[in-house]
Protein backbone atom coordinates (compact mmCIF):
# COMPACT_ATOMS: atom_id res chain seq x y z
CA MET A 1 16.93 20.12 2.99
CA GLU A 2 15.44 16.43 1.84
CA LYS A 3 14.24 14.01 4.01
CA LYS A 4 13.91 10.13 3.89
CA THR A 5 12.34 7.43 6.11
CA TYR A 6 13.20 3.82 6.54
CA LYS A 7 12.45 1.32 9.20
CA PHE A 8 15.02 1.24 11.67
CA ASN A 9 16.48 -2.17 13.06
CA LEU A 10 15.99 -1.37 16.82
CA GLN A 11 19.00 -2.76 18.41
CA LYS A 12 18.64 -1.88 22.02
CA ALA A 13 16.15 0.44 24.08
CA GLU A 14 17.11 1.42 27.35
CA LYS A 15 15.35 4.36 29.73
CA ASN A 16 16.15 6.72 27.35
CA THR A 17 18.78 5.75 24.68
CA PHE A 18 18.07 3.78 21.64
CA GLU A 19 20.08 2.03 19.01
CA GLY A 20 19.76 1.29 15.26
CA TYR A 21 20.12 1.71 11.55
CA ALA A 22 18.87 5.39 10.30
CA SER A 23 19.72 4.63 7.01
CA THR A 24 20.26 1.49 4.75
CA PHE A 25 22.65 1.41 1.73
CA ASP A 26 22.00 -0.11 -1.70
CA ASN A 27 18.19 -0.64 -1.51
CA VAL A 28 16.17 1.79 -3.98
CA ASP A 29 13.57 3.86 -2.10
CA LEU A 30 10.22 4.98 -3.32
CA GLN A 31 11.67 8.17 -4.47
CA GLY A 32 14.04 6.19 -6.77
CA ASP A 33 17.12 7.11 -4.87
CA THR A 34 19.71 4.59 -3.65
CA VAL A 35 21.86 5.48 -0.54
CA VAL A 36 25.48 4.10 -0.73
CA ARG A 37 28.16 3.34 1.54
CA GLY A 38 30.30 6.11 2.16
CA ALA A 39 27.44 8.51 1.87
CA PHE A 40 27.21 9.69 5.53
CA LEU A 41 30.98 10.01 6.16
CA ASN A 42 31.23 13.72 6.27
CA SER A 43 28.71 13.61 8.59
CA LEU A 44 30.04 11.02 11.52
CA SER A 45 31.20 14.14 13.41
CA ASN A 46 28.45 16.34 12.91
CA HIS A 47 25.97 17.34 16.01
CA VAL A 48 22.89 15.83 14.65
CA LEU A 49 19.64 16.33 16.69
CA VAL A 50 17.13 13.79 17.16
CA LEU A 51 13.34 15.09 16.38
CA TYR A 52 9.69 13.79 16.88
CA GLN A 53 8.28 13.91 13.42
CA HIS A 54 10.16 16.46 11.77
CA ASP A 55 9.16 18.66 14.51
CA GLU A 56 10.27 19.13 18.07
CA VAL A 57 13.59 18.40 19.31
CA ILE A 58 13.52 15.24 21.64
CA GLY A 59 17.37 14.76 21.92
CA LYS A 60 20.72 14.19 19.99
CA VAL A 61 22.57 11.57 18.05
CA VAL A 62 25.58 10.50 20.50
CA ASP A 63 27.16 7.91 18.19
CA MET A 64 26.97 6.77 14.52
CA LYS A 65 28.54 4.76 12.34
CA GLU A 66 28.81 3.06 8.55
CA ASP A 67 29.05 -0.56 8.41
CA ASP A 68 28.18 -2.53 5.34
CA LYS A 69 24.31 -2.71 6.07
CA GLY A 70 23.87 1.37 6.60
CA LEU A 71 24.14 4.33 8.93
CA PHE A 72 24.33 2.66 12.54
CA ILE A 73 22.93 5.45 15.20
CA LYS A 74 22.97 5.74 19.41
CA ALA A 75 20.57 8.12 20.23
CA GLN A 76 19.93 9.69 23.64
CA ILE A 77 16.17 11.23 24.49
CA SER A 78 15.93 14.25 27.07
CA ASP A 79 14.18 13.24 30.12
CA THR A 80 11.32 15.49 28.73
CA GLU A 81 7.24 14.51 28.77
CA LEU A 82 7.38 13.99 24.87
CA GLY A 83 10.99 12.23 25.24
CA ARG A 84 9.33 10.00 27.76
CA ASP A 85 6.47 9.30 25.56
CA VAL A 86 8.25 8.59 22.57
CA MET A 87 10.51 6.03 24.35
CA THR A 88 7.82 4.29 25.28
CA LEU A 89 6.26 4.02 21.58
CA ILE A 90 9.57 3.13 20.60
CA ARG A 91 10.18 0.29 23.33
CA ASP A 92 6.32 -0.53 22.83
CA GLY A 93 6.99 -1.16 18.65
CA VAL A 94 4.48 1.57 17.72
CA ILE A 95 7.01 3.77 16.11
CA ASN A 96 9.89 1.86 14.70
CA ARG A 97 10.80 3.94 11.89
CA MET A 98 13.21 6.94 11.22
CA SER A 99 13.55 9.57 9.00
CA ILE A 100 17.08 11.66 8.08
CA GLY A 101 16.78 15.39 7.33
CA PHE A 102 19.98 15.76 5.01
CA ASN A 103 21.26 17.87 2.02
CA ILE A 104 23.00 16.35 -0.85
CA LEU A 105 26.51 16.72 -1.90
CA ASP A 106 27.38 14.58 -4.33
CA TYR A 107 24.69 12.35 -6.54
CA ASP A 108 25.15 10.36 -9.75
CA VAL A 109 21.84 9.62 -11.85
CA THR A 110 21.02 6.49 -13.23
CA ALA A 111 18.30 4.22 -14.73
CA GLU A 112 16.52 3.80 -11.53
CA GLY A 113 16.90 7.30 -10.17
CA ARG A 114 19.60 9.22 -8.03
CA LEU A 115 22.60 6.99 -6.51
CA LEU A 116 23.19 9.49 -3.32
CA LYS A 117 27.14 9.25 -2.69
CA GLY A 118 27.33 12.49 -0.15
CA ILE A 119 24.86 13.31 2.30
CA GLU A 120 25.14 16.29 5.01
CA LEU A 121 23.20 15.03 7.92
CA PHE A 122 21.24 17.38 10.11
CA GLU A 123 18.63 15.52 11.91
CA VAL A 124 17.10 12.03 12.36
CA SER A 125 13.52 11.90 13.39
CA ALA A 126 11.37 9.21 14.92
CA VAL A 127 8.35 8.76 12.93
CA ALA A 128 5.09 7.04 12.04
CA PHE A 129 5.33 7.20 7.92
CA PRO A 130 7.20 4.94 5.71
CA ALA A 131 8.80 6.30 2.60
CA ASN A 132 11.50 3.71 2.11
CA LYS A 133 11.08 1.24 -0.01
CA GLU A 134 12.69 -1.65 2.30
CA ALA A 135 9.87 -0.37 4.75
CA VAL A 136 6.95 -1.16 3.05
CA ILE A 137 7.61 -3.82 0.38
CA THR A 138 8.15 -7.18 1.57
CA GLY A 139 7.54 -8.86 -1.24
CA ALA A 140 4.18 -10.07 -1.76
CA LYS A 141 4.39 -12.18 -5.26
CA ASN A 142 1.23 -12.90 -5.98
CA TYR A 143 -0.26 -9.35 -5.40
CA LYS A 144 -1.77 -7.68 -8.55
CA GLU A 145 -0.20 -4.29 -9.25
CA LYS A 146 -2.56 -1.51 -9.09
CA LYS A 147 -2.45 2.41 -9.94
CA TYR A 148 -4.66 4.44 -7.73
CA ARG A 149 -5.82 8.12 -8.40
CA ILE A 150 -5.40 10.19 -5.82
CA TYR A 151 -6.56 14.05 -4.77
CA GLY A 152 -8.96 16.02 -2.70
CA GLY A 153 -8.53 16.34 1.54
CA ASN A 154 -4.66 17.72 2.96
CA LEU A 155 -3.22 16.55 -0.30
CA ASN A 156 -0.20 18.82 0.01
CA ASN A 157 0.22 17.85 3.88
CA TYR A 158 -0.05 14.00 2.60
CA LEU A 159 2.93 15.02 -0.28
CA ALA A 160 5.08 17.29 2.29
CA LEU A 161 6.02 14.00 4.08
CA PHE A 162 8.15 12.83 1.28
CA ASP A 163 9.59 16.20 -0.20
CA ASP A 164 10.13 19.43 1.16
CA TYR A 165 8.96 21.25 -2.32
CA PHE A 166 5.39 20.81 -1.61
CA ILE A 167 5.59 22.58 1.42
CA GLU A 168 7.27 25.67 -0.13
CA ASN A 169 5.46 25.13 -3.40
CA PRO A 170 1.76 23.84 -2.60
CA ILE A 171 0.07 22.40 -5.45
CA GLU A 172 -3.22 23.15 -6.79
CA LYS A 173 -6.66 21.91 -5.03
CA GLU A 174 -7.47 20.35 -7.78
CA ALA A 175 -4.47 18.26 -8.52
CA VAL A 176 -4.48 14.68 -9.30
CA ILE A 177 -1.29 12.27 -8.18
CA ILE A 178 -1.23 8.80 -9.53
CA GLU A 179 0.43 6.19 -7.24
CA THR A 180 1.70 2.83 -8.38
CA VAL A 181 0.91 0.20 -5.77
CA LYS A 182 2.78 -3.08 -6.00
CA ASN A 183 1.89 -5.09 -2.97
CA GLN A 184 -0.64 -5.43 -0.09
CA GLU A 185 1.76 -3.31 2.34
CA GLN A 186 1.60 -0.74 0.05
CA GLU A 187 -1.95 -0.58 -0.37
CA GLU A 188 -2.43 -0.93 3.53
CA PHE A 189 -0.28 2.09 3.86
CA TYR A 190 -2.17 4.36 1.05
CA ARG A 191 -5.44 3.37 2.89
CA ASP A 192 -4.14 4.59 6.39
CA MET A 193 -2.94 7.73 4.52
CA GLN A 194 -6.68 8.36 3.22
CA GLU A 195 -8.16 8.17 6.39
CA MET A 196 -5.30 10.65 8.00
CA PHE A 197 -5.13 12.87 5.15
CA ASP A 198 -8.77 13.10 4.20
CA LEU A 199 -8.02 11.91 0.64
CA THR A 200 -10.36 10.65 -2.34
CA ILE A 201 -8.55 7.27 -3.73
CA GLU A 202 -9.64 5.69 -6.74
CA GLU A 203 -8.44 2.65 -8.58
CA VAL A 204 -7.45 3.64 -12.14
CA VAL A 205 -9.15 0.87 -14.21
């Protein structure tokens, strides 16, 4: 199962429900994937659970539809202690990202990456970490692009935010990854990850 994280556009949050976009179309995310309109049509009648951080079940999707912008959902959160806590975070704007768990049914390969044409949706999660390009890039035109060397700490846990492969096939402790940072928002994101996962981040000169 793959995962993708988006900054969802919260339309309305009530006592135990919220509405917004769980996925957006036609933008290239940080993994080089683009979701196209029609990708979710086979999943619109699925029983889709709502999780917190891809871990604990907090509710279910009660309505979802595709429009020109993306996949619009309405979620009902159960009246549990965790459910109430998550709804408070959503209403306060602390949690404003939604990650989808899915399998790919159909895709094409383009120069930019994969073009996702068919998706089987299993779950959506309220999460804290962005992975979709639109969630972290806001167009800082004067930012000088950097490259970061990242290693040490809980590198596998960091990578697992973006790809289940690293959960089943952990990399060696001595491994080093190189990330390109294109704007201030991305730089702040990596600094947050550095603190959270005890990573060593060095600029590649």
